[in-house]
Amino acid sequence: MTTIKLSGKELLKRAIKGEQDGVRFYTYVAGKAVNPEARRKLTRLAEDETRHKRTLVEIFTSIYHEEVGDLPGEGIGPLARVLDTSKIDELKSEMQFIDLAIQAELATTNFYKDGAKTAETAELKTLYQSMADEEYQHFELLQAEKDALGGNYYWFAYDGTSPMEE
């Protein structure tokens, strides 16, 4: 994992742009989803990304005492590559949406982990680690959904014991 070499202000602006890209992605694929449950979950993820963006904007204005202003053209580099419009337009099924979303959530998790390593203040370090944790929860949710859709249940492993042992 490469450590990001940006100022705190630049890093925060990229994070805001990345969350904005996430909102766009989840809103778009939720609109394409046929399965109502998949649509609901994708819409919920868009709402989470909207909340993340709002939180990051509030943090930015409280730290730097100015409006965010223009966002960079590219937010989270690996996320931008994953969410390339041409890739999104090729998606045809909920499983494909989920696969792309899993990649996006991992890219975002790694971005925030790197941000925590280089944060200029303890407040930013805590913020980025918290964001990494929440994005990783999105990854886990999507992975569980993918497993459920694919019939890959490992239910016996969830509590550490197997029903056959009882």
Protein backbone atom coordinates (compact mmCIF):
# COMPACT_ATOMS: atom_id res chain seq x y z
CA MET A 1 0.00 0.00 0.00
CA THR A 2 1.44 3.39 -1.01
CA THR A 3 1.23 6.29 1.35
CA ILE A 4 -0.52 9.36 -0.07
CA LYS A 5 1.67 12.50 -0.26
CA LEU A 6 -0.89 15.31 -0.16
CA SER A 7 -1.44 18.19 2.24
CA GLY A 8 -4.28 17.78 4.72
CA LYS A 9 -6.43 20.21 2.76
CA GLU A 10 -5.80 18.44 -0.57
CA LEU A 11 -6.41 15.03 0.97
CA LEU A 12 -9.68 16.15 2.50
CA LYS A 13 -10.84 17.66 -0.80
CA ARG A 14 -10.05 14.39 -2.58
CA ALA A 15 -11.97 12.49 0.08
CA ILE A 16 -14.99 14.77 -0.43
CA LYS A 17 -14.77 14.24 -4.20
CA GLY A 18 -14.47 10.48 -3.64
CA GLU A 19 -17.62 10.43 -1.53
CA GLN A 20 -19.39 12.50 -4.20
CA ASP A 21 -18.30 9.90 -6.78
CA GLY A 22 -19.63 7.16 -4.49
CA VAL A 23 -23.03 8.86 -4.26
CA ARG A 24 -23.15 9.10 -8.05
CA PHE A 25 -22.19 5.44 -8.46
CA TYR A 26 -24.65 3.99 -5.94
CA THR A 27 -27.48 6.22 -7.18
CA TYR A 28 -26.83 5.15 -10.75
CA VAL A 29 -26.65 1.40 -10.07
CA ALA A 30 -29.65 1.56 -7.71
CA GLY A 31 -31.59 3.00 -10.64
CA LYS A 32 -30.48 0.11 -12.86
CA ALA A 33 -31.16 -2.61 -10.29
CA VAL A 34 -34.14 -4.82 -11.04
CA ASN A 35 -34.32 -6.60 -7.70
CA PRO A 36 -36.17 -4.36 -5.19
CA GLU A 37 -34.03 -5.53 -2.25
CA ALA A 38 -30.81 -4.83 -4.17
CA ARG A 39 -32.17 -1.41 -5.14
CA ARG A 40 -32.97 -0.66 -1.49
CA LYS A 41 -29.49 -1.66 -0.30
CA LEU A 42 -27.74 0.28 -3.06
CA THR A 43 -29.87 3.35 -2.24
CA ARG A 44 -28.87 2.99 1.41
CA LEU A 45 -25.20 2.94 0.42
CA ALA A 46 -25.75 6.15 -1.60
CA GLU A 47 -27.27 7.71 1.52
CA ASP A 48 -24.23 6.63 3.56
CA GLU A 49 -21.89 8.22 1.03
CA THR A 50 -23.97 11.43 1.15
CA ARG A 51 -23.61 11.46 4.94
CA HIS A 52 -19.84 10.87 4.61
CA LYS A 53 -19.53 13.81 2.21
CA ARG A 54 -21.50 16.08 4.54
CA THR A 55 -19.30 15.05 7.50
CA LEU A 56 -16.11 15.69 5.53
CA VAL A 57 -17.32 19.12 4.41
CA GLU A 58 -18.14 20.04 8.03
CA ILE A 59 -14.70 18.88 9.18
CA PHE A 60 -13.03 20.83 6.34
CA THR A 61 -14.78 24.08 7.24
CA SER A 62 -14.09 23.63 10.96
CA ILE A 63 -10.37 22.96 10.43
CA TYR A 64 -9.58 25.41 7.64
CA HIS A 65 -12.23 28.10 8.40
CA GLU A 66 -13.18 28.40 4.75
CA GLU A 67 -15.59 26.89 2.26
CA VAL A 68 -14.44 23.78 0.43
CA GLY A 69 -14.61 25.52 -2.95
CA ASP A 70 -13.81 23.63 -6.13
CA LEU A 71 -13.10 19.94 -5.79
CA PRO A 72 -10.26 18.27 -7.67
CA GLY A 73 -11.06 16.54 -10.95
CA GLU A 74 -10.03 13.24 -9.43
CA GLY A 75 -11.08 12.16 -5.99
CA ILE A 76 -9.77 8.87 -4.76
CA GLY A 77 -7.51 7.64 -7.58
CA PRO A 78 -8.16 3.91 -7.35
CA LEU A 79 -11.87 4.59 -6.80
CA ALA A 80 -12.05 6.77 -9.92
CA ARG A 81 -10.52 3.94 -11.97
CA VAL A 82 -12.99 1.42 -10.53
CA LEU A 83 -15.94 3.73 -11.17
CA ASP A 84 -14.93 4.55 -14.75
CA THR A 85 -18.16 5.45 -16.54
CA SER A 86 -17.54 3.00 -19.37
CA LYS A 87 -17.33 0.15 -16.84
CA ILE A 88 -20.51 1.23 -15.09
CA ASP A 89 -22.45 1.42 -18.36
CA GLU A 90 -21.51 -2.19 -19.14
CA LEU A 91 -23.09 -3.51 -15.93
CA LYS A 92 -26.14 -5.68 -16.51
CA SER A 93 -26.87 -7.47 -13.24
CA GLU A 94 -26.97 -6.88 -9.51
CA MET A 95 -24.01 -9.27 -9.13
CA GLN A 96 -21.93 -7.09 -11.46
CA PHE A 97 -22.97 -3.98 -9.50
CA ILE A 98 -21.91 -5.67 -6.30
CA ASP A 99 -18.56 -6.80 -7.72
CA LEU A 100 -17.72 -3.27 -8.80
CA ALA A 101 -18.96 -1.83 -5.51
CA ILE A 102 -16.74 -4.28 -3.59
CA GLN A 103 -13.72 -3.04 -5.54
CA ALA A 104 -14.75 0.57 -4.90
CA GLU A 105 -15.19 0.05 -1.16
CA LEU A 106 -11.77 -1.61 -0.86
CA ALA A 107 -10.15 1.26 -2.79
CA THR A 108 -11.85 3.78 -0.52
CA THR A 109 -10.90 1.85 2.62
CA ASN A 110 -7.24 1.87 1.56
CA PHE A 111 -7.39 5.57 0.70
CA TYR A 112 -8.62 6.42 4.19
CA LYS A 113 -6.08 4.11 5.85
CA ASP A 114 -3.31 5.88 3.95
CA GLY A 115 -4.84 9.23 4.92
CA ALA A 116 -4.75 8.25 8.59
CA LYS A 117 -1.03 7.48 8.27
CA THR A 118 -0.20 10.94 6.93
CA ALA A 119 -2.81 13.05 8.74
CA GLU A 120 -1.53 16.40 9.96
CA THR A 121 -3.63 16.39 13.12
CA ALA A 122 -4.96 13.83 15.58
CA GLU A 123 -8.49 14.90 14.61
CA LEU A 124 -7.86 14.06 10.94
CA LYS A 125 -6.14 10.80 11.84
CA THR A 126 -9.18 9.75 13.89
CA LEU A 127 -11.55 10.88 11.14
CA TYR A 128 -9.74 8.94 8.42
CA GLN A 129 -9.49 5.80 10.51
CA SER A 130 -13.19 6.03 11.30
CA MET A 131 -13.99 6.49 7.61
CA ALA A 132 -11.78 3.50 6.71
CA ASP A 133 -13.65 1.38 9.24
CA GLU A 134 -17.04 2.44 7.90
CA GLU A 135 -16.05 1.87 4.27
CA TYR A 136 -14.75 -1.56 5.23
CA GLN A 137 -18.15 -2.32 6.79
CA HIS A 138 -19.67 -1.46 3.41
CA PHE A 139 -17.24 -3.93 1.82
CA GLU A 140 -18.29 -6.63 4.29
CA LEU A 141 -21.98 -5.94 3.67
CA LEU A 142 -21.50 -6.17 -0.08
CA GLN A 143 -19.41 -9.33 0.22
CA ALA A 144 -22.11 -10.95 2.36
CA GLU A 145 -24.74 -9.92 -0.20
CA LYS A 146 -22.63 -11.40 -3.00
CA ASP A 147 -22.20 -14.63 -1.05
CA ALA A 148 -25.93 -14.82 -0.39
CA LEU A 149 -26.81 -14.20 -4.03
CA GLY A 150 -24.26 -16.80 -5.11
CA GLY A 151 -25.42 -19.35 -2.55
CA ASN A 152 -22.08 -19.33 -0.73
CA TYR A 153 -23.25 -19.70 2.85
CA TYR A 154 -20.68 -20.60 5.46
CA TRP A 155 -23.20 -20.33 8.27
CA PHE A 156 -21.48 -22.95 10.39
CA ALA A 157 -18.38 -20.76 10.68
CA TYR A 158 -20.12 -17.67 12.06
CA ASP A 159 -20.12 -18.65 15.73
CA GLY A 160 -17.02 -20.80 15.62
CA THR A 161 -18.84 -24.10 16.04
CA SER A 162 -20.46 -26.46 13.63
CA PRO A 163 -24.04 -27.67 14.15
CA MET A 164 -22.72 -31.18 13.54
CA GLU A 165 -20.55 -30.90 16.67
CA GLU A 166 -23.56 -30.48 18.90
